[in-house]
C-alpha atoms as a PDB file:
ATOM      1  CA  MET A   1     -17.360 -19.076 -11.964  1.00  0.00           C
ATOM      2  CA  ILE A   2     -14.159 -19.817 -13.532  1.00  0.00           C
ATOM      3  CA  GLY A   3     -15.154 -23.315 -15.276  1.00  0.00           C
ATOM      4  CA  ASP A   4     -13.094 -26.403 -15.132  1.00  0.00           C
ATOM      5  CA  LEU A   5      -9.974 -25.429 -13.471  1.00  0.00           C
ATOM      6  CA  ALA A   6      -8.013 -28.832 -14.797  1.00  0.00           C
ATOM      7  CA  SER A   7      -8.774 -27.561 -18.363  1.00  0.00           C
ATOM      8  CA  ILE A   8      -7.637 -24.150 -17.308  1.00  0.00           C
ATOM      9  CA  HIS A   9      -4.329 -25.447 -15.756  1.00  0.00           C
ATOM     10  CA  GLU A  10      -3.736 -27.401 -19.317  1.00  0.00           C
ATOM     11  CA  ALA A  11      -4.378 -24.339 -21.552  1.00  0.00           C
ATOM     12  CA  LYS A  12      -2.221 -22.412 -19.331  1.00  0.00           C
ATOM     13  CA  HIS A  13       0.795 -24.597 -19.745  1.00  0.00           C
ATOM     14  CA  THR A  14       0.094 -25.092 -23.399  1.00  0.00           C
ATOM     15  CA  TYR A  15       0.189 -21.082 -24.094  1.00  0.00           C
ATOM     16  CA  ARG A  16       3.407 -21.203 -21.699  1.00  0.00           C
ATOM     17  CA  SER A  17       5.086 -23.757 -23.793  1.00  0.00           C
ATOM     18  CA  SER A  18       3.814 -22.176 -27.363  1.00  0.00           C
ATOM     19  CA  LYS A  19       5.567 -19.786 -29.520  1.00  0.00           C
ATOM     20  CA  TYR A  20       3.022 -17.130 -29.348  1.00  0.00           C
ATOM     21  CA  ASN A  21       4.457 -13.850 -29.618  1.00  0.00           C
ATOM     22  CA  TRP A  22       2.889 -11.810 -26.583  1.00  0.00           C
ATOM     23  CA  THR A  23       3.616  -8.178 -27.795  1.00  0.00           C
ATOM     24  CA  GLY A  24       0.950  -5.310 -28.135  1.00  0.00           C
ATOM     25  CA  ARG A  25      -2.817  -4.769 -27.096  1.00  0.00           C
ATOM     26  CA  PRO A  26      -4.351  -6.233 -29.906  1.00  0.00           C
ATOM     27  CA  LYS A  27      -2.644  -9.797 -29.930  1.00  0.00           C
ATOM     28  CA  PHE A  28      -3.479  -9.409 -26.365  1.00  0.00           C
ATOM     29  CA  ALA A  29      -7.220  -8.628 -26.888  1.00  0.00           C
ATOM     30  CA  THR A  30      -7.350 -11.831 -29.180  1.00  0.00           C
ATOM     31  CA  VAL A  31      -6.203 -13.966 -26.625  1.00  0.00           C
ATOM     32  CA  PHE A  32      -8.504 -12.661 -23.991  1.00  0.00           C
ATOM     33  CA  GLY A  33     -11.555 -13.457 -26.527  1.00  0.00           C
ATOM     34  CA  LEU A  34     -10.296 -16.765 -27.102  1.00  0.00           C
ATOM     35  CA  VAL A  35      -9.841 -17.671 -23.575  1.00  0.00           C
ATOM     36  CA  PHE A  36     -13.378 -16.577 -22.444  1.00  0.00           C
ATOM     37  CA  ALA A  37     -15.152 -18.092 -24.904  1.00  0.00           C
ATOM     38  CA  THR A  38     -13.319 -21.483 -23.963  1.00  0.00           C
ATOM     39  CA  ALA A  39     -12.626 -21.365 -20.332  1.00  0.00           C
ATOM     40  CA  SER A  40     -15.348 -19.625 -18.748  1.00  0.00           C
ATOM     41  CA  ALA A  41     -13.596 -16.061 -17.730  1.00  0.00           C
ATOM     42  CA  ALA A  42     -10.221 -17.626 -17.206  1.00  0.00           C
ATOM     43  CA  PHE A  43      -7.119 -15.877 -18.039  1.00  0.00           C
ATOM     44  CA  LEU A  44      -3.949 -17.387 -19.732  1.00  0.00           C
ATOM     45  CA  PRO A  45      -0.811 -15.758 -18.924  1.00  0.00           C
ATOM     46  CA  PRO A  46       1.865 -15.006 -21.868  1.00  0.00           C
ATOM     47  CA  SER A  47       4.128 -17.729 -23.077  1.00  0.00           C
ATOM     48  CA  GLU A  48       7.365 -18.517 -21.524  1.00  0.00           C
ATOM     49  CA  GLN A  49       8.963 -17.795 -24.602  1.00  0.00           C
ATOM     50  CA  ALA A  50       7.055 -14.238 -24.647  1.00  0.00           C
ATOM     51  CA  LEU A  51       8.588 -13.708 -21.007  1.00  0.00           C
ATOM     52  CA  ARG A  52      12.179 -14.789 -21.699  1.00  0.00           C
ATOM     53  CA  GLU A  53      11.921 -12.118 -24.745  1.00  0.00           C
ATOM     54  CA  VAL A  54      10.953  -9.361 -22.133  1.00  0.00           C
ATOM     55  CA  GLU A  55      12.766 -10.524 -18.985  1.00  0.00           C
ATOM     56  CA  HIS A  56      15.417  -7.785 -19.525  1.00  0.00           C
ATOM     57  CA  LEU A  57      13.019  -4.780 -19.284  1.00  0.00           C
ATOM     58  CA  THR A  58      13.355  -2.479 -16.598  1.00  0.00           C
ATOM     59  CA  GLY A  59      12.473   1.130 -15.800  1.00  0.00           C
ATOM     60  CA  LEU A  60      10.310   3.247 -18.229  1.00  0.00           C
ATOM     61  CA  GLU A  61      10.689   0.898 -20.993  1.00  0.00           C
ATOM     62  CA  LEU A  62       9.153  -1.809 -18.651  1.00  0.00           C
ATOM     63  CA  ILE A  63       6.422   0.619 -17.495  1.00  0.00           C
ATOM     64  CA  GLU A  64       5.407   1.328 -20.910  1.00  0.00           C
ATOM     65  CA  TYR A  65       5.771  -2.248 -22.521  1.00  0.00           C
ATOM     66  CA  ILE A  66       3.211  -3.611 -19.714  1.00  0.00           C
ATOM     67  CA  ASN A  67       0.625  -0.980 -19.904  1.00  0.00           C
ATOM     68  CA  LYS A  68       0.577  -1.307 -23.777  1.00  0.00           C
ATOM     69  CA  ALA A  69       0.402  -5.306 -23.795  1.00  0.00           C
ATOM     70  CA  GLN A  70      -2.619  -5.833 -21.288  1.00  0.00           C
ATOM     71  CA  ASN A  71      -5.304  -4.193 -19.628  1.00  0.00           C
ATOM     72  CA  LEU A  72      -5.875  -5.958 -16.504  1.00  0.00           C
ATOM     73  CA  PHE A  73      -3.761  -4.310 -14.502  1.00  0.00           C
ATOM     74  CA  THR A  74      -1.686  -1.070 -14.309  1.00  0.00           C
ATOM     75  CA  VAL A  75       2.216   0.103 -13.390  1.00  0.00           C
ATOM     76  CA  SER A  76       3.688   3.380 -12.910  1.00  0.00           C
ATOM     77  CA  SER A  77       7.307   4.593 -11.752  1.00  0.00           C
ATOM     78  CA  SER A  78       6.715   3.475  -8.436  1.00  0.00           C
ATOM     79  CA  ALA A  79       8.125   6.308  -5.956  1.00  0.00           C
ATOM     80  CA  HIS A  80       8.408   3.181  -3.472  1.00  0.00           C
ATOM     81  CA  PHE A  81      11.327   1.739  -5.294  1.00  0.00           C
ATOM     82  CA  ALA A  82      12.389   4.632  -7.834  1.00  0.00           C
ATOM     83  CA  GLN A  83      15.494   5.436  -5.558  1.00  0.00           C
ATOM     84  CA  HIS A  84      16.736   2.345  -4.795  1.00  0.00           C
ATOM     85  CA  PRO A  85      19.233   0.056  -6.421  1.00  0.00           C
ATOM     86  CA  ASP A  86      18.598  -3.562  -7.581  1.00  0.00           C
ATOM     87  CA  ASP A  87      20.182  -4.642  -4.457  1.00  0.00           C
ATOM     88  CA  PHE A  88      17.652  -2.885  -2.143  1.00  0.00           C
ATOM     89  CA  LYS A  89      14.715  -4.791  -4.039  1.00  0.00           C
ATOM     90  CA  ARG A  90      16.332  -8.094  -3.561  1.00  0.00           C
ATOM     91  CA  ARG A  91      17.012  -7.614   0.188  1.00  0.00           C
ATOM     92  CA  LEU A  92      13.191  -7.250   0.252  1.00  0.00           C
ATOM     93  CA  MET A  93      12.813 -10.644  -0.754  1.00  0.00           C
ATOM     94  CA  GLY A  94      13.615 -13.555   1.716  1.00  0.00           C
ATOM     95  CA  SER A  95      10.975 -16.522   1.752  1.00  0.00           C
ATOM     96  CA  GLU A  96      12.773 -19.459   1.783  1.00  0.00           C
ATOM     97  CA  TYR A  97      10.307 -21.706   0.517  1.00  0.00           C
ATOM     98  CA  VAL A  98       7.915 -20.312  -2.387  1.00  0.00           C
ATOM     99  CA  THR A  99       6.482 -23.895  -3.553  1.00  0.00           C
ATOM    100  CA  VAL A 100       6.087 -25.977  -0.570  1.00  0.00           C
ATOM    101  CA  PRO A 101       8.334 -29.099  -1.148  1.00  0.00           C
ATOM    102  CA  ALA A 102       6.388 -32.295  -1.323  1.00  0.00           C
ATOM    103  CA  GLU A 103       7.645 -33.747   1.725  1.00  0.00           C
ATOM    104  CA  LEU A 104       6.269 -31.298   3.711  1.00  0.00           C
ATOM    105  CA  ARG A 105       2.656 -31.861   2.147  1.00  0.00           C
ATOM    106  CA  VAL A 106       2.330 -35.142   3.840  1.00  0.00           C
ATOM    107  CA  ASN A 107       0.003 -33.691   6.437  1.00  0.00           C
ATOM    108  CA  GLU A 108      -1.383 -30.494   4.566  1.00  0.00           C
ATOM    109  CA  LYS A 109      -4.813 -29.234   5.561  1.00  0.00           C
ATOM    110  CA  THR A 110      -7.909 -29.730   3.261  1.00  0.00           C
ATOM    111  CA  HIS A 111     -11.202 -28.798   3.994  1.00  0.00           C
ATOM    112  CA  ASP A 112     -13.176 -31.973   2.502  1.00  0.00           C
ATOM    113  CA  ASP A 113     -15.982 -31.397   5.508  1.00  0.00           C
ATOM    114  CA  ILE A 114     -17.012 -28.144   3.931  1.00  0.00           C
ATOM    115  CA  ASN A 115     -19.428 -28.193   0.867  1.00  0.00           C
ATOM    116  CA  ASP A 116     -17.890 -26.295  -2.044  1.00  0.00           C
ATOM    117  CA  ALA A 117     -21.289 -24.800  -2.847  1.00  0.00           C
ATOM    118  CA  SER A 118     -20.770 -22.945   0.351  1.00  0.00           C
ATOM    119  CA  ILE A 119     -17.921 -20.918  -0.871  1.00  0.00           C
ATOM    120  CA  PRO A 120     -19.267 -17.445  -1.510  1.00  0.00           C
ATOM    121  CA  ALA A 121     -18.460 -15.625  -4.885  1.00  0.00           C
ATOM    122  CA  SER A 122     -16.430 -12.920  -3.155  1.00  0.00           C
ATOM    123  CA  PHE A 123     -15.316 -12.928   0.340  1.00  0.00           C
ATOM    124  CA  ASP A 124     -13.165  -9.861   2.040  1.00  0.00           C
ATOM    125  CA  ALA A 125     -11.762 -10.284   5.738  1.00  0.00           C
ATOM    126  CA  ARG A 126     -11.553  -6.723   5.915  1.00  0.00           C
ATOM    127  CA  THR A 127     -15.425  -6.625   5.931  1.00  0.00           C
ATOM    128  CA  HIS A 128     -16.137 -10.147   7.242  1.00  0.00           C
ATOM    129  CA  TRP A 129     -14.389  -9.241  10.586  1.00  0.00           C
ATOM    130  CA  PRO A 130     -14.789  -5.294  10.846  1.00  0.00           C
ATOM    131  CA  GLN A 131     -13.888  -5.571  14.837  1.00  0.00           C
ATOM    132  CA  CYS A 132     -10.167  -6.900  13.761  1.00  0.00           C
ATOM    133  CA  PRO A 133      -8.109  -3.481  12.684  1.00  0.00           C
ATOM    134  CA  SER A 134      -5.015  -5.720  12.160  1.00  0.00           C
ATOM    135  CA  ILE A 135      -6.633  -6.966   8.908  1.00  0.00           C
ATOM    136  CA  LEU A 136      -6.607  -3.336   7.491  1.00  0.00           C
ATOM    137  CA  THR A 137      -2.996  -2.369   8.840  1.00  0.00           C
ATOM    138  CA  ILE A 138      -0.482  -2.197   5.941  1.00  0.00           C
ATOM    139  CA  ARG A 139       2.989  -2.484   7.388  1.00  0.00           C
ATOM    140  CA  ASP A 140       6.382  -1.071   6.108  1.00  0.00           C
ATOM    141  CA  GLN A 141       9.193  -3.542   6.059  1.00  0.00           C
ATOM    142  CA  SER A 142      11.703  -0.589   4.913  1.00  0.00           C
ATOM    143  CA  SER A 143      14.652  -2.291   3.755  1.00  0.00           C
ATOM    144  CA  CYS A 144      14.338  -5.202   6.106  1.00  0.00           C
ATOM    145  CA  GLU A 145      14.292  -8.691   4.741  1.00  0.00           C
ATOM    146  CA  GLU A 146      10.443  -9.562   4.931  1.00  0.00           C
ATOM    147  CA  THR A 147      10.730 -12.769   6.786  1.00  0.00           C
ATOM    148  CA  VAL A 148      12.225 -10.950   9.437  1.00  0.00           C
ATOM    149  CA  SER A 149      10.493  -7.567   9.851  1.00  0.00           C
ATOM    150  CA  VAL A 150       6.911  -8.765   9.446  1.00  0.00           C
ATOM    151  CA  PRO A 151       6.817 -12.242  11.825  1.00  0.00           C
ATOM    152  CA  HIS A 152       4.537 -15.017  10.433  1.00  0.00           C
ATOM    153  CA  GLY A 153       2.762 -14.794  13.751  1.00  0.00           C
ATOM    154  CA  TYR A 154       1.009 -11.689  12.586  1.00  0.00           C
ATOM    155  CA  TYR A 155      -1.291 -13.190  10.172  1.00  0.00           C
ATOM    156  CA  LYS A 156      -3.272 -15.024  12.749  1.00  0.00           C
ATOM    157  CA  GLU A 157      -3.856 -12.079  15.020  1.00  0.00           C
ATOM    158  CA  LEU A 158      -7.320 -12.154  14.005  1.00  0.00           C
ATOM    159  CA  SER A 159      -8.054 -15.363  15.965  1.00  0.00           C
ATOM    160  CA  LEU A 160      -5.609 -13.782  19.070  1.00  0.00           C
ATOM    161  CA  GLY A 161      -8.612 -10.853  19.647  1.00  0.00           C
ATOM    162  CA  CYS A 162      -6.791  -8.911  16.241  1.00  0.00           C
ATOM    163  CA  SER A 163      -4.532  -6.410  17.784  1.00  0.00           C
ATOM    164  CA  HIS A 164      -1.051  -7.486  19.317  1.00  0.00           C
ATOM    165  CA  ASP A 165       1.560  -5.075  18.041  1.00  0.00           C
ATOM    166  CA  HIS A 166       3.986  -6.341  20.924  1.00  0.00           C
ATOM    167  CA  SER A 167       4.640  -9.392  18.875  1.00  0.00           C
ATOM    168  CA  ILE A 168       5.966  -7.562  16.290  1.00  0.00           C
ATOM    169  CA  ARG A 169       8.031  -5.252  18.473  1.00  0.00           C
ATOM    170  CA  GLU A 170       9.735  -8.470  20.341  1.00  0.00           C
ATOM    171  CA  VAL A 171      11.009  -9.844  17.160  1.00  0.00           C
ATOM    172  CA  VAL A 172      12.383  -6.664  15.830  1.00  0.00           C
ATOM    173  CA  ASP A 173      14.108  -5.898  19.171  1.00  0.00           C
ATOM    174  CA  SER A 174      15.963  -9.487  19.071  1.00  0.00           C
ATOM    175  CA  ASP A 175      17.118  -9.602  15.588  1.00  0.00           C
ATOM    176  CA  ILE A 176      17.461  -6.208  13.836  1.00  0.00           C
ATOM    177  CA  GLN A 177      19.551  -3.324  13.788  1.00  0.00           C
ATOM    178  CA  SER A 178      18.156  -0.680  11.443  1.00  0.00           C
ATOM    179  CA  LYS A 179      15.831   1.908  10.885  1.00  0.00           C
ATOM    180  CA  HIS A 180      12.679  -0.161  10.708  1.00  0.00           C
ATOM    181  CA  HIS A 181       9.159   1.186  11.425  1.00  0.00           C
ATOM    182  CA  ASP A 182       6.193  -0.718  12.082  1.00  0.00           C
ATOM    183  CA  GLY A 183       2.666   0.542  10.751  1.00  0.00           C
ATOM    184  CA  PRO A 184       0.417   2.656  12.547  1.00  0.00           C
ATOM    185  CA  GLN A 185       1.699   3.725  16.134  1.00  0.00           C
ATOM    186  CA  ILE A 186      -0.592   3.943  19.367  1.00  0.00           C
ATOM    187  CA  SER A 187       1.300   5.600  22.052  1.00  0.00           C
ATOM    188  CA  GLY A 188       0.889   3.869  25.094  1.00  0.00           C
ATOM    189  CA  ALA A 189      -0.908   0.884  23.693  1.00  0.00           C
ATOM    190  CA  GLY A 190      -0.077  -2.780  24.405  1.00  0.00           C
ATOM    191  CA  CYS A 191       2.534  -4.363  26.720  1.00  0.00           C
ATOM    192  CA  LYS A 192       5.232  -2.898  25.112  1.00  0.00           C
ATOM    193  CA  PRO A 193       4.736   0.163  22.799  1.00  0.00           C
ATOM    194  CA  TYR A 194       6.901   0.080  19.766  1.00  0.00           C
ATOM    195  CA  PRO A 195       9.902   2.793  20.709  1.00  0.00           C
ATOM    196  CA  PHE A 196      10.691   4.122  17.499  1.00  0.00           C
ATOM    197  CA  PRO A 197       8.458   6.683  15.860  1.00  0.00           C
ATOM    198  CA  PRO A 198       7.304   6.039  12.544  1.00  0.00           C
ATOM    199  CA  CYS A 199       9.533   8.017   9.568  1.00  0.00           C
ATOM    200  CA  GLU A 200       9.581   8.376   6.019  1.00  0.00           C
ATOM    201  CA  HIS A 201      12.510   6.506   4.235  1.00  0.00           C
ATOM    202  CA  ARG A 202      11.911   7.311   0.569  1.00  0.00           C
ATOM    203  CA  GLY A 203      12.274  10.874   0.601  1.00  0.00           C
ATOM    204  CA  LYS A 204       8.702  12.141   0.281  1.00  0.00           C
ATOM    205  CA  ALA A 205       6.893  13.268   3.255  1.00  0.00           C
ATOM    206  CA  ASP A 206       3.165  12.262   2.633  1.00  0.00           C
ATOM    207  CA  HIS A 207       3.033   9.993   5.413  1.00  0.00           C
ATOM    208  CA  TYR A 208       5.682  11.087   8.346  1.00  0.00           C
ATOM    209  CA  ASP A 209       8.923  13.436   8.952  1.00  0.00           C
ATOM    210  CA  PRO A 210      12.016  12.207   7.270  1.00  0.00           C
ATOM    211  CA  CYS A 211      14.054   9.209   8.824  1.00  0.00           C
ATOM    212  CA  PRO A 212      17.060  10.421  10.819  1.00  0.00           C
ATOM    213  CA  SER A 213      20.389   9.541   8.945  1.00  0.00           C
ATOM    214  CA  HIS A 214      21.776   7.982  11.878  1.00  0.00           C
ATOM    215  CA  VAL A 215      20.927   3.889  12.799  1.00  0.00           C
ATOM    216  CA  GLU A 216      19.038   3.307  15.613  1.00  0.00           C
ATOM    217  CA  PRO A 217      20.369   1.225  18.285  1.00  0.00           C
ATOM    218  CA  THR A 218      19.325  -2.249  18.722  1.00  0.00           C
ATOM    219  CA  ASN A 219      16.902  -2.549  21.730  1.00  0.00           C
ATOM    220  CA  ALA A 220      17.756  -5.108  24.509  1.00  0.00           C
ATOM    221  CA  CYS A 221      15.198  -7.650  24.975  1.00  0.00           C
ATOM    222  CA  GLU A 222      12.967  -6.673  27.732  1.00  0.00           C
ATOM    223  CA  HIS A 223      10.692  -9.313  29.623  1.00  0.00           C
ATOM    224  CA  SER A 224       8.408  -7.204  31.461  1.00  0.00           C
ATOM    225  CA  CYS A 225       5.541  -4.832  30.478  1.00  0.00           C
ATOM    226  CA  GLN A 226       5.259  -0.930  30.702  1.00  0.00           C
ATOM    227  CA  ASP A 227       3.905   0.270  34.377  1.00  0.00           C
ATOM    228  CA  GLY A 228       0.212   0.192  34.330  1.00  0.00           C
ATOM    229  CA  TYR A 229      -0.378  -2.609  31.734  1.00  0.00           C
ATOM    230  CA  PRO A 230      -3.117  -4.757  33.194  1.00  0.00           C
ATOM    231  CA  LEU A 231      -0.927  -8.194  32.568  1.00  0.00           C
ATOM    232  CA  SER A 232       2.518  -9.385  33.011  1.00  0.00           C
ATOM    233  CA  TYR A 233       4.597 -10.085  30.226  1.00  0.00           C
ATOM    234  CA  THR A 234       4.050 -13.771  30.565  1.00  0.00           C
ATOM    235  CA  ASN A 235       0.569 -13.864  31.028  1.00  0.00           C
ATOM    236  CA  ASP A 236       0.100 -11.507  27.977  1.00  0.00           C
ATOM    237  CA  LYS A 237       2.089 -13.529  25.651  1.00  0.00           C
ATOM    238  CA  HIS A 238       0.131 -15.868  23.184  1.00  0.00           C
ATOM    239  CA  PHE A 239       1.521 -19.218  21.567  1.00  0.00           C
ATOM    240  CA  GLY A 240       0.059 -21.031  18.621  1.00  0.00           C
ATOM    241  CA  ALA A 241      -1.354 -24.419  19.124  1.00  0.00           C
ATOM    242  CA  THR A 242      -1.163 -25.868  15.468  1.00  0.00           C
ATOM    243  CA  ALA A 243       0.984 -24.675  12.364  1.00  0.00           C
ATOM    244  CA  TYR A 244       0.068 -26.264   8.881  1.00  0.00           C
ATOM    245  CA  ILE A 245       0.547 -26.325   5.464  1.00  0.00           C
ATOM    246  CA  VAL A 246      -2.824 -25.525   3.283  1.00  0.00           C
ATOM    247  CA  SER A 247      -3.531 -27.602   0.303  1.00  0.00           C
ATOM    248  CA  LYS A 248      -2.820 -25.803  -2.764  1.00  0.00           C
ATOM    249  CA  LYS A 249      -6.275 -26.802  -4.419  1.00  0.00           C
ATOM    250  CA  MET A 250      -8.317 -23.316  -4.525  1.00  0.00           C
ATOM    251  CA  THR A 251     -11.446 -24.309  -2.777  1.00  0.00           C
ATOM    252  CA  ASP A 252      -9.319 -25.404   0.169  1.00  0.00           C
ATOM    253  CA  ILE A 253      -7.660 -22.236   0.253  1.00  0.00           C
ATOM    254  CA  GLN A 254     -11.192 -20.208   0.021  1.00  0.00           C
ATOM    255  CA  LYS A 255     -12.267 -22.443   2.896  1.00  0.00           C
ATOM    256  CA  GLU A 256      -9.358 -21.898   5.247  1.00  0.00           C
ATOM    257  CA  ILE A 257      -9.707 -18.506   4.878  1.00  0.00           C
ATOM    258  CA  MET A 258     -13.486 -18.310   5.281  1.00  0.00           C
ATOM    259  CA  THR A 259     -13.321 -20.311   8.219  1.00  0.00           C
ATOM    260  CA  ASN A 260     -10.099 -19.628  10.240  1.00  0.00           C
ATOM    261  CA  GLY A 261      -9.238 -16.121   8.926  1.00  0.00           C
ATOM    262  CA  PRO A 262      -6.481 -14.952   6.368  1.00  0.00           C
ATOM    263  CA  VAL A 263      -3.562 -17.124   5.506  1.00  0.00           C
ATOM    264  CA  GLU A 264       0.211 -16.477   4.745  1.00  0.00           C
ATOM    265  CA  VAL A 265       1.193 -16.885   1.303  1.00  0.00           C
ATOM    266  CA  SER A 266       4.727 -17.317  -0.626  1.00  0.00           C
ATOM    267  CA  TYR A 267       5.125 -16.660  -4.236  1.00  0.00           C
ATOM    268  CA  ASN A 268       7.646 -15.357  -6.852  1.00  0.00           C
ATOM    269  CA  VAL A 269       8.159 -11.667  -7.201  1.00  0.00           C
ATOM    270  CA  TYR A 270       9.049 -10.053 -10.625  1.00  0.00           C
ATOM    271  CA  GLU A 271      10.263  -6.686 -11.617  1.00  0.00           C
ATOM    272  CA  ASP A 272       6.723  -5.899 -12.825  1.00  0.00           C
ATOM    273  CA  PHE A 273       5.463  -6.487  -9.642  1.00  0.00           C
ATOM    274  CA  GLY A 274       7.024  -3.681  -7.907  1.00  0.00           C
ATOM    275  CA  SER A 275       5.670  -1.177 -10.322  1.00  0.00           C
ATOM    276  CA  TYR A 276       2.095  -2.279  -9.732  1.00  0.00           C
ATOM    277  CA  THR A 277      -0.576   0.328  -8.942  1.00  0.00           C
ATOM    278  CA  GLY A 278      -3.893  -1.363  -9.216  1.00  0.00           C
ATOM    279  CA  GLY A 279      -5.942  -4.033 -10.970  1.00  0.00           C
ATOM    280  CA  ILE A 280      -5.276  -7.815 -11.232  1.00  0.00           C
ATOM    281  CA  TYR A 281      -1.743  -8.597 -11.515  1.00  0.00           C
ATOM    282  CA  VAL A 282      -0.384 -11.274 -13.869  1.00  0.00           C
ATOM    283  CA  HIS A 283       3.209 -11.785 -14.339  1.00  0.00           C
ATOM    284  CA  THR A 284       3.958 -10.178 -17.980  1.00  0.00           C
ATOM    285  CA  ALA A 285       7.525  -8.758 -18.110  1.00  0.00           C
ATOM    286  CA  GLY A 286      10.873  -8.544 -16.069  1.00  0.00           C
ATOM    287  CA  ALA A 287      13.145 -10.542 -14.155  1.00  0.00           C
ATOM    288  CA  LEU A 288      12.631 -12.621 -10.985  1.00  0.00           C
ATOM    289  CA  ARG A 289      13.528 -10.575  -7.728  1.00  0.00           C
ATOM    290  CA  GLY A 290      13.230 -13.467  -5.435  1.00  0.00           C
ATOM    291  CA  GLY A 291      10.595 -14.725  -3.053  1.00  0.00           C
ATOM    292  CA  HIS A 292       8.079 -13.035  -0.856  1.00  0.00           C
ATOM    293  CA  ALA A 293       5.602 -13.612   1.761  1.00  0.00           C
ATOM    294  CA  VAL A 294       2.450 -11.480   2.105  1.00  0.00           C
ATOM    295  CA  LYS A 295      -1.244 -12.058   4.042  1.00  0.00           C
ATOM    296  CA  MET A 296      -4.017 -13.689   1.664  1.00  0.00           C
ATOM    297  CA  ILE A 297      -7.444 -12.223   3.040  1.00  0.00           C
ATOM    298  CA  GLY A 298     -10.150 -12.944   0.361  1.00  0.00           C
ATOM    299  CA  TRP A 299     -10.946 -13.177  -3.387  1.00  0.00           C
ATOM    300  CA  GLY A 300     -13.570 -11.962  -6.029  1.00  0.00           C
ATOM    301  CA  THR A 301     -14.280 -11.605  -9.763  1.00  0.00           C
ATOM    302  CA  GLU A 302     -13.868  -8.329 -11.756  1.00  0.00           C
ATOM    303  CA  ASN A 303     -15.144  -8.673 -15.476  1.00  0.00           C
ATOM    304  CA  GLY A 304     -15.135 -12.479 -15.368  1.00  0.00           C
ATOM    305  CA  VAL A 305     -11.311 -12.750 -14.313  1.00  0.00           C
ATOM    306  CA  PRO A 306     -11.004 -14.290 -10.791  1.00  0.00           C
ATOM    307  CA  TYR A 307      -8.494 -13.114  -8.234  1.00  0.00           C
ATOM    308  CA  TRP A 308      -7.231 -13.262  -4.781  1.00  0.00           C
ATOM    309  CA  ILE A 309      -6.808 -10.095  -2.470  1.00  0.00           C
ATOM    310  CA  CYS A 310      -3.355  -9.770  -0.522  1.00  0.00           C
ATOM    311  CA  SER A 311      -2.175  -7.257   1.959  1.00  0.00           C
ATOM    312  CA  ASN A 312       1.877  -6.372   1.159  1.00  0.00           C
ATOM    313  CA  SER A 313       4.228  -4.899   3.407  1.00  0.00           C
ATOM    314  CA  TRP A 314       5.237  -1.933   1.306  1.00  0.00           C
ATOM    315  CA  ASN A 315       3.137   0.997   3.064  1.00  0.00           C
ATOM    316  CA  THR A 316      -0.077   2.541   1.626  1.00  0.00           C
ATOM    317  CA  ASP A 317       1.653   4.599  -1.175  1.00  0.00           C
ATOM    318  CA  TRP A 318       2.200   1.173  -2.706  1.00  0.00           C
ATOM    319  CA  GLY A 319      -0.432  -0.910  -5.081  1.00  0.00           C
ATOM    320  CA  GLU A 320      -4.092  -0.360  -3.992  1.00  0.00           C
ATOM    321  CA  LYS A 321      -3.250   1.650  -0.783  1.00  0.00           C
ATOM    322  CA  GLY A 322      -1.074  -1.418   0.177  1.00  0.00           C
ATOM    323  CA  PHE A 323      -3.122  -4.181  -0.977  1.00  0.00           C
ATOM    324  CA  PHE A 324      -3.240  -6.167  -4.274  1.00  0.00           C
ATOM    325  CA  ARG A 325      -5.132  -8.485  -6.344  1.00  0.00           C
ATOM    326  CA  ILE A 326      -3.604 -11.450  -8.189  1.00  0.00           C
ATOM    327  CA  ILE A 327      -5.259 -13.669 -10.828  1.00  0.00           C
ATOM    328  CA  ARG A 328      -6.676 -16.846  -8.942  1.00  0.00           C
ATOM    329  CA  GLY A 329      -6.940 -20.489  -9.816  1.00  0.00           C
ATOM    330  CA  ILE A 330      -3.758 -20.819 -12.157  1.00  0.00           C
ATOM    331  CA  ASP A 331      -1.149 -20.612  -9.274  1.00  0.00           C
ATOM    332  CA  GLU A 332       0.247 -17.641 -10.864  1.00  0.00           C
ATOM    333  CA  CYS A 333       3.751 -16.941  -9.301  1.00  0.00           C
ATOM    334  CA  GLY A 334       3.310 -19.892  -7.365  1.00  0.00           C
ATOM    335  CA  ILE A 335       1.185 -18.080  -4.915  1.00  0.00           C
ATOM    336  CA  GLU A 336      -1.407 -20.899  -4.552  1.00  0.00           C
ATOM    337  CA  SER A 337       1.659 -23.396  -3.936  1.00  0.00           C
ATOM    338  CA  GLY A 338       2.848 -21.698  -0.901  1.00  0.00           C
ATOM    339  CA  VAL A 339      -0.196 -21.277   1.530  1.00  0.00           C
ATOM    340  CA  VAL A 340       0.501 -21.814   5.244  1.00  0.00           C
ATOM    341  CA  ALA A 341      -1.691 -20.985   8.244  1.00  0.00           C
ATOM    342  CA  GLY A 342      -1.956 -21.997  11.949  1.00  0.00           C
ATOM    343  CA  GLU A 343      -4.259 -21.727  15.162  1.00  0.00           C
ATOM    344  CA  PRO A 344      -3.514 -19.998  18.352  1.00  0.00           C
ATOM    345  CA  LYS A 345      -3.459 -21.805  21.571  1.00  0.00           C
ATOM    346  CA  LEU A 346      -6.688 -20.245  23.280  1.00  0.00           C
END
């Protein structure tokens, strides 16, 4: 599907250290032709020098440059970020590790017992496990740091029977004082239904009513379920049996997802990612904004270009209805170097 990955990585680093001037659609198309002819449908991102030359771009200048410079993905002036200053954007980033340190990879998870030939050309957890609505759920972290507002335990809800909203609420109650909303609300559902109604904090009323101007008080941590719930608070809690780092080898990541469900990935976010509206993302211009963590749920190939499918936490009016695709197989933005997963205690 993508040929010799070692050759692709070598070519990637060669291009990123070269002096190729990455500006304008004609030059982009020339590189596409070269890459497809020599690396079997792999994509090579712009050189490091070219990225430095456009690192300063923001706003409409960034939008115009990206849409002219490449045709893998589209960007626009994002309503999600249009009203917010740079410090708001930086606050959304909170992943401590993007690339997992070498000393933590001693016991990383591999799947050598599974034959590479069993990996399908495409895989999407949303359709593979249709009984699990949590895979389809797009959260909205609002202005909260992502590692607080969307806890890592959520990413293995699949193995827990798919829907456990109270785990999100418990962390929010204990740690956050803000106008935070937590995706779709189901009145009366679960051990402890989330107490705050969803609201629209970006000025549009497309999804919900506007958020109130006051800051909601932090809830007290309660250790009992609502009246009428069939289980006690203690018996309703779920615990992890294992937590582990997944090998950054592409086939090991694929095997982990298709065997045990979605994984959590950390990666570097640049200015152009916030303006993403669809397609296969590859960093093209703009400055580094910080580390971010999302849920990776599958993979595929479009027009010969391989990609990962990921679920973000910026609501459904961002990206591809809250999801995004990113180039696969070349560790773009470090997304294959920060994969972690876990299994529940059943």
